[in-house]
């Protein structure tokens, strides 16, 4: 069974995400499903799900409708990247923010 990573065509996977994909599915056993920068409308998302059939999908970019419908398919897995780790950063104006860490990615 093929594995596709659903990701905006303008985004890159982090090295730790690639590591997680390779550990989970095997090196060279997954590929990208690039979403156009301007996205897909609802009809296009549902058509793309039909097109990929029983392929395992790993969502790296949010497409809520596609994610909803993919998650109820009986014939394939729908997975997401998850990261509990946050990094504390101070902005030039002194404000403190927390961002998702570059490492610690897992597939759930």
N, C-alpha and C. Protein backbone atom coordinates (compact mmCIF):
# COMPACT_ATOMS: atom_id res chain seq x y z
N UNK A 1 0.84 -1.18 0.00
CA UNK A 1 0.00 0.00 0.00
C UNK A 1 0.89 1.24 0.00
N UNK A 2 0.58 2.19 -0.84
CA UNK A 2 1.35 3.42 -0.95
C UNK A 2 1.06 4.35 0.22
N UNK A 3 1.99 5.25 0.50
CA UNK A 3 1.81 6.28 1.52
C UNK A 3 2.07 7.63 0.88
N UNK A 4 1.14 8.56 1.07
CA UNK A 4 1.28 9.92 0.55
C UNK A 4 1.26 10.92 1.69
N UNK A 5 2.19 11.89 1.63
CA UNK A 5 2.23 12.97 2.60
C UNK A 5 1.54 14.17 1.96
N UNK A 6 0.40 14.57 2.54
CA UNK A 6 -0.38 15.70 2.03
C UNK A 6 0.26 16.97 2.57
N UNK A 7 0.81 17.80 1.66
CA UNK A 7 1.56 18.98 2.08
C UNK A 7 1.44 20.08 1.03
N UNK A 8 1.38 21.31 1.48
CA UNK A 8 1.37 22.47 0.58
C UNK A 8 2.63 22.43 -0.27
N UNK A 9 2.47 22.68 -1.56
CA UNK A 9 3.60 22.61 -2.48
C UNK A 9 4.72 23.59 -2.14
N UNK A 10 4.40 24.63 -1.38
CA UNK A 10 5.40 25.63 -1.00
C UNK A 10 6.11 25.28 0.31
N UNK A 11 5.70 24.22 0.98
CA UNK A 11 6.28 23.84 2.26
C UNK A 11 7.28 22.71 2.10
N UNK A 12 8.20 22.65 3.02
CA UNK A 12 9.19 21.58 3.05
C UNK A 12 9.00 20.79 4.33
N UNK A 13 9.23 19.50 4.26
CA UNK A 13 9.23 18.68 5.46
C UNK A 13 10.49 18.96 6.25
N UNK A 14 10.37 18.97 7.57
CA UNK A 14 11.55 19.12 8.44
C UNK A 14 12.31 17.81 8.44
N UNK A 15 13.60 17.89 8.72
CA UNK A 15 14.44 16.69 8.73
C UNK A 15 13.89 15.64 9.69
N UNK A 16 13.38 16.07 10.84
CA UNK A 16 12.84 15.12 11.80
C UNK A 16 11.55 14.48 11.30
N UNK A 17 10.78 15.20 10.50
CA UNK A 17 9.58 14.61 9.90
C UNK A 17 9.97 13.55 8.88
N UNK A 18 10.99 13.84 8.10
CA UNK A 18 11.48 12.86 7.11
C UNK A 18 12.00 11.62 7.84
N UNK A 19 12.72 11.82 8.94
CA UNK A 19 13.19 10.68 9.74
C UNK A 19 12.02 9.83 10.20
N UNK A 20 10.97 10.50 10.71
CA UNK A 20 9.81 9.78 11.20
C UNK A 20 9.12 9.01 10.08
N UNK A 21 8.99 9.60 8.91
CA UNK A 21 8.40 8.91 7.76
C UNK A 21 9.21 7.68 7.39
N UNK A 22 10.54 7.85 7.33
CA UNK A 22 11.40 6.72 6.95
C UNK A 22 11.34 5.61 7.98
N UNK A 23 11.29 5.96 9.27
CA UNK A 23 11.20 4.93 10.31
C UNK A 23 9.86 4.21 10.28
N UNK A 24 8.79 4.95 9.99
CA UNK A 24 7.45 4.38 10.01
C UNK A 24 7.15 3.55 8.77
N UNK A 25 7.53 4.06 7.60
CA UNK A 25 7.13 3.42 6.34
C UNK A 25 8.29 2.84 5.55
N UNK A 26 9.51 3.26 5.83
CA UNK A 26 10.67 2.81 5.09
C UNK A 26 11.12 3.87 4.10
N UNK A 27 12.42 3.98 3.95
CA UNK A 27 12.97 4.97 3.04
C UNK A 27 12.54 4.66 1.61
N UNK A 28 12.06 5.67 0.92
CA UNK A 28 11.60 5.49 -0.46
C UNK A 28 10.23 4.86 -0.58
N UNK A 29 9.54 4.62 0.53
CA UNK A 29 8.24 3.96 0.51
C UNK A 29 7.09 4.95 0.67
N UNK A 30 7.39 6.25 0.61
CA UNK A 30 6.37 7.28 0.71
C UNK A 30 6.71 8.38 -0.29
N UNK A 31 5.70 9.16 -0.62
CA UNK A 31 5.93 10.30 -1.53
C UNK A 31 5.00 11.45 -1.12
N UNK A 32 5.22 12.58 -1.73
CA UNK A 32 4.43 13.78 -1.43
C UNK A 32 3.20 13.85 -2.32
N UNK A 33 2.13 14.35 -1.74
CA UNK A 33 0.95 14.74 -2.50
C UNK A 33 0.86 16.24 -2.33
N UNK A 34 1.43 16.96 -3.28
CA UNK A 34 1.52 18.42 -3.18
C UNK A 34 0.18 19.09 -3.43
N UNK A 35 -0.21 19.90 -2.47
CA UNK A 35 -1.43 20.70 -2.58
C UNK A 35 -1.02 22.05 -3.17
N UNK A 36 -1.72 22.54 -4.20
CA UNK A 36 -1.38 23.84 -4.77
C UNK A 36 -1.38 24.93 -3.70
N UNK A 37 -0.54 25.94 -3.89
CA UNK A 37 -0.43 27.03 -2.91
C UNK A 37 -1.77 27.69 -2.62
N UNK A 38 -2.63 27.77 -3.63
CA UNK A 38 -3.94 28.39 -3.42
C UNK A 38 -4.99 27.36 -2.98
N UNK A 39 -4.56 26.14 -2.67
CA UNK A 39 -5.42 25.11 -2.11
C UNK A 39 -6.33 24.44 -3.12
N UNK A 40 -7.16 23.56 -2.62
CA UNK A 40 -8.19 22.89 -3.40
C UNK A 40 -9.53 23.28 -2.80
N UNK A 41 -10.53 23.46 -3.66
CA UNK A 41 -11.87 23.70 -3.12
C UNK A 41 -12.44 22.37 -2.64
N UNK A 42 -13.64 22.42 -2.04
CA UNK A 42 -14.23 21.21 -1.45
C UNK A 42 -14.37 20.10 -2.48
N UNK A 43 -14.85 20.44 -3.65
CA UNK A 43 -15.05 19.43 -4.70
C UNK A 43 -13.73 18.78 -5.10
N UNK A 44 -12.68 19.59 -5.23
CA UNK A 44 -11.37 19.07 -5.61
C UNK A 44 -10.79 18.17 -4.52
N UNK A 45 -11.00 18.53 -3.24
CA UNK A 45 -10.50 17.70 -2.15
C UNK A 45 -11.16 16.32 -2.17
N UNK A 46 -12.47 16.31 -2.34
CA UNK A 46 -13.18 15.03 -2.36
C UNK A 46 -12.80 14.20 -3.58
N UNK A 47 -12.59 14.86 -4.71
CA UNK A 47 -12.16 14.15 -5.92
C UNK A 47 -10.76 13.56 -5.73
N UNK A 48 -9.89 14.29 -5.07
CA UNK A 48 -8.53 13.79 -4.82
C UNK A 48 -8.56 12.56 -3.91
N UNK A 49 -9.44 12.57 -2.91
CA UNK A 49 -9.59 11.38 -2.05
C UNK A 49 -10.03 10.17 -2.87
N UNK A 50 -10.97 10.37 -3.78
CA UNK A 50 -11.42 9.28 -4.64
C UNK A 50 -10.26 8.78 -5.49
N UNK A 51 -9.46 9.71 -6.00
CA UNK A 51 -8.34 9.38 -6.87
C UNK A 51 -7.28 8.54 -6.16
N UNK A 52 -6.98 8.85 -4.90
CA UNK A 52 -5.92 8.14 -4.20
C UNK A 52 -6.38 6.81 -3.62
N UNK A 53 -7.69 6.59 -3.57
CA UNK A 53 -8.21 5.29 -3.15
C UNK A 53 -7.80 4.89 -1.76
N UNK A 54 -7.26 3.67 -1.62
CA UNK A 54 -6.94 3.14 -0.29
C UNK A 54 -5.52 3.46 0.16
N UNK A 55 -4.97 4.51 -0.37
CA UNK A 55 -3.63 4.96 -0.01
C UNK A 55 -3.61 5.48 1.43
N UNK A 56 -2.54 5.17 2.17
CA UNK A 56 -2.35 5.76 3.48
C UNK A 56 -1.97 7.22 3.30
N UNK A 57 -2.65 8.10 4.03
CA UNK A 57 -2.39 9.54 3.96
C UNK A 57 -1.82 10.03 5.28
N UNK A 58 -0.76 10.83 5.20
CA UNK A 58 -0.19 11.50 6.37
C UNK A 58 -0.33 12.99 6.11
N UNK A 59 -1.09 13.67 6.95
CA UNK A 59 -1.34 15.10 6.75
C UNK A 59 -0.27 15.95 7.42
N UNK A 60 0.46 16.70 6.60
CA UNK A 60 1.43 17.67 7.10
C UNK A 60 0.86 19.08 6.96
N UNK A 61 -0.14 19.25 6.11
CA UNK A 61 -0.83 20.52 5.93
C UNK A 61 -2.31 20.30 6.19
N UNK A 62 -2.94 21.25 6.86
CA UNK A 62 -4.35 21.06 7.20
C UNK A 62 -5.29 21.32 6.02
N UNK A 63 -6.11 20.36 5.74
CA UNK A 63 -7.21 20.47 4.79
C UNK A 63 -8.40 19.86 5.51
N UNK A 64 -9.09 20.63 6.33
CA UNK A 64 -10.09 20.06 7.24
C UNK A 64 -11.12 19.15 6.58
N UNK A 65 -11.67 19.53 5.45
CA UNK A 65 -12.67 18.68 4.81
C UNK A 65 -12.05 17.36 4.37
N UNK A 66 -10.90 17.43 3.74
CA UNK A 66 -10.24 16.24 3.25
C UNK A 66 -9.84 15.34 4.44
N UNK A 67 -9.35 15.94 5.50
CA UNK A 67 -8.98 15.19 6.69
C UNK A 67 -10.19 14.50 7.31
N UNK A 68 -11.31 15.22 7.37
CA UNK A 68 -12.53 14.63 7.93
C UNK A 68 -12.96 13.40 7.13
N UNK A 69 -13.05 13.56 5.82
CA UNK A 69 -13.53 12.45 4.99
C UNK A 69 -12.51 11.31 4.91
N UNK A 70 -11.24 11.65 4.93
CA UNK A 70 -10.21 10.61 4.90
C UNK A 70 -10.23 9.79 6.18
N UNK A 71 -10.56 10.42 7.29
CA UNK A 71 -10.50 9.72 8.58
C UNK A 71 -11.60 8.67 8.75
N UNK A 72 -12.65 8.74 7.96
CA UNK A 72 -13.73 7.75 8.10
C UNK A 72 -13.67 6.66 7.04
N UNK A 73 -12.65 6.67 6.20
CA UNK A 73 -12.52 5.61 5.20
C UNK A 73 -12.24 4.29 5.90
N UNK A 74 -12.85 3.26 5.44
CA UNK A 74 -12.69 1.94 6.03
C UNK A 74 -11.49 1.19 5.45
N UNK A 75 -11.02 1.60 4.28
CA UNK A 75 -10.03 0.81 3.56
C UNK A 75 -8.61 1.34 3.64
N UNK A 76 -8.37 2.41 4.41
CA UNK A 76 -7.03 2.98 4.44
C UNK A 76 -6.80 3.73 5.74
N UNK A 77 -5.54 3.99 6.03
CA UNK A 77 -5.17 4.74 7.23
C UNK A 77 -5.10 6.23 6.92
N UNK A 78 -5.44 7.03 7.91
CA UNK A 78 -5.25 8.47 7.86
C UNK A 78 -4.46 8.85 9.09
N UNK A 79 -3.30 9.43 8.90
CA UNK A 79 -2.38 9.76 9.98
C UNK A 79 -2.03 11.24 9.93
N UNK A 80 -1.49 11.75 11.02
CA UNK A 80 -1.07 13.14 11.08
C UNK A 80 0.29 13.23 11.76
N UNK A 81 1.04 14.29 11.45
CA UNK A 81 2.25 14.59 12.19
C UNK A 81 1.85 15.23 13.51
N UNK A 82 2.57 14.90 14.58
CA UNK A 82 2.29 15.46 15.90
C UNK A 82 3.61 15.77 16.60
N UNK A 83 3.62 16.87 17.36
CA UNK A 83 4.81 17.24 18.10
C UNK A 83 4.39 17.93 19.39
N UNK A 84 4.74 17.34 20.53
CA UNK A 84 4.43 17.93 21.84
C UNK A 84 5.45 18.97 22.26
N UNK A 85 6.61 18.96 21.63
CA UNK A 85 7.69 19.85 22.05
C UNK A 85 7.48 21.28 21.54
N UNK A 86 7.72 22.26 22.42
CA UNK A 86 7.63 23.68 22.06
C UNK A 86 8.94 24.35 22.43
N UNK A 87 9.30 25.34 21.62
CA UNK A 87 10.51 26.12 21.88
C UNK A 87 10.12 27.54 22.24
N UNK A 88 10.72 28.04 23.31
CA UNK A 88 10.47 29.41 23.75
C UNK A 88 11.35 30.35 22.94
N UNK A 89 10.73 31.41 22.39
CA UNK A 89 11.47 32.40 21.60
C UNK A 89 11.08 33.79 22.06
N UNK A 90 12.09 34.66 22.06
CA UNK A 90 11.81 36.06 22.39
C UNK A 90 11.90 36.88 21.11
N UNK A 91 10.83 37.61 20.81
CA UNK A 91 10.78 38.46 19.63
C UNK A 91 11.56 39.75 19.88
N UNK A 92 11.94 40.46 18.81
CA UNK A 92 12.68 41.71 18.98
C UNK A 92 11.98 42.73 19.89
N UNK A 93 10.66 42.69 19.95
CA UNK A 93 9.93 43.63 20.80
C UNK A 93 9.84 43.15 22.25
N UNK A 94 10.48 42.02 22.58
CA UNK A 94 10.50 41.49 23.93
C UNK A 94 9.39 40.49 24.24
N UNK A 95 8.45 40.34 23.34
CA UNK A 95 7.36 39.40 23.55
C UNK A 95 7.89 37.98 23.48
N UNK A 96 7.41 37.12 24.38
CA UNK A 96 7.80 35.71 24.42
C UNK A 96 6.72 34.90 23.71
N UNK A 97 7.14 34.05 22.78
CA UNK A 97 6.20 33.15 22.10
C UNK A 97 6.74 31.73 22.18
N UNK A 98 5.88 30.78 21.91
CA UNK A 98 6.28 29.38 21.86
C UNK A 98 5.95 28.84 20.48
N UNK A 99 6.89 28.15 19.86
CA UNK A 99 6.68 27.57 18.55
C UNK A 99 6.95 26.07 18.62
N UNK A 100 6.44 25.35 17.65
CA UNK A 100 6.67 23.90 17.58
C UNK A 100 8.16 23.67 17.30
N UNK A 101 8.74 22.74 18.02
CA UNK A 101 10.16 22.42 17.88
C UNK A 101 10.43 21.76 16.53
N UNK A 102 11.66 21.85 16.08
CA UNK A 102 12.06 21.23 14.81
C UNK A 102 12.23 19.72 14.96
N UNK A 103 12.45 19.26 16.18
CA UNK A 103 12.57 17.82 16.40
C UNK A 103 11.44 17.35 17.30
N UNK A 104 11.31 16.06 17.45
CA UNK A 104 10.24 15.51 18.27
C UNK A 104 9.00 15.12 17.50
N UNK A 105 9.08 15.12 16.17
CA UNK A 105 7.92 14.79 15.33
C UNK A 105 7.68 13.29 15.33
N UNK A 106 6.41 12.93 15.45
CA UNK A 106 5.98 11.53 15.35
C UNK A 106 4.76 11.48 14.45
N UNK A 107 4.46 10.30 13.95
CA UNK A 107 3.29 10.10 13.12
C UNK A 107 2.27 9.33 13.94
N UNK A 108 1.08 9.89 14.07
CA UNK A 108 0.00 9.26 14.83
C UNK A 108 -1.20 9.02 13.95
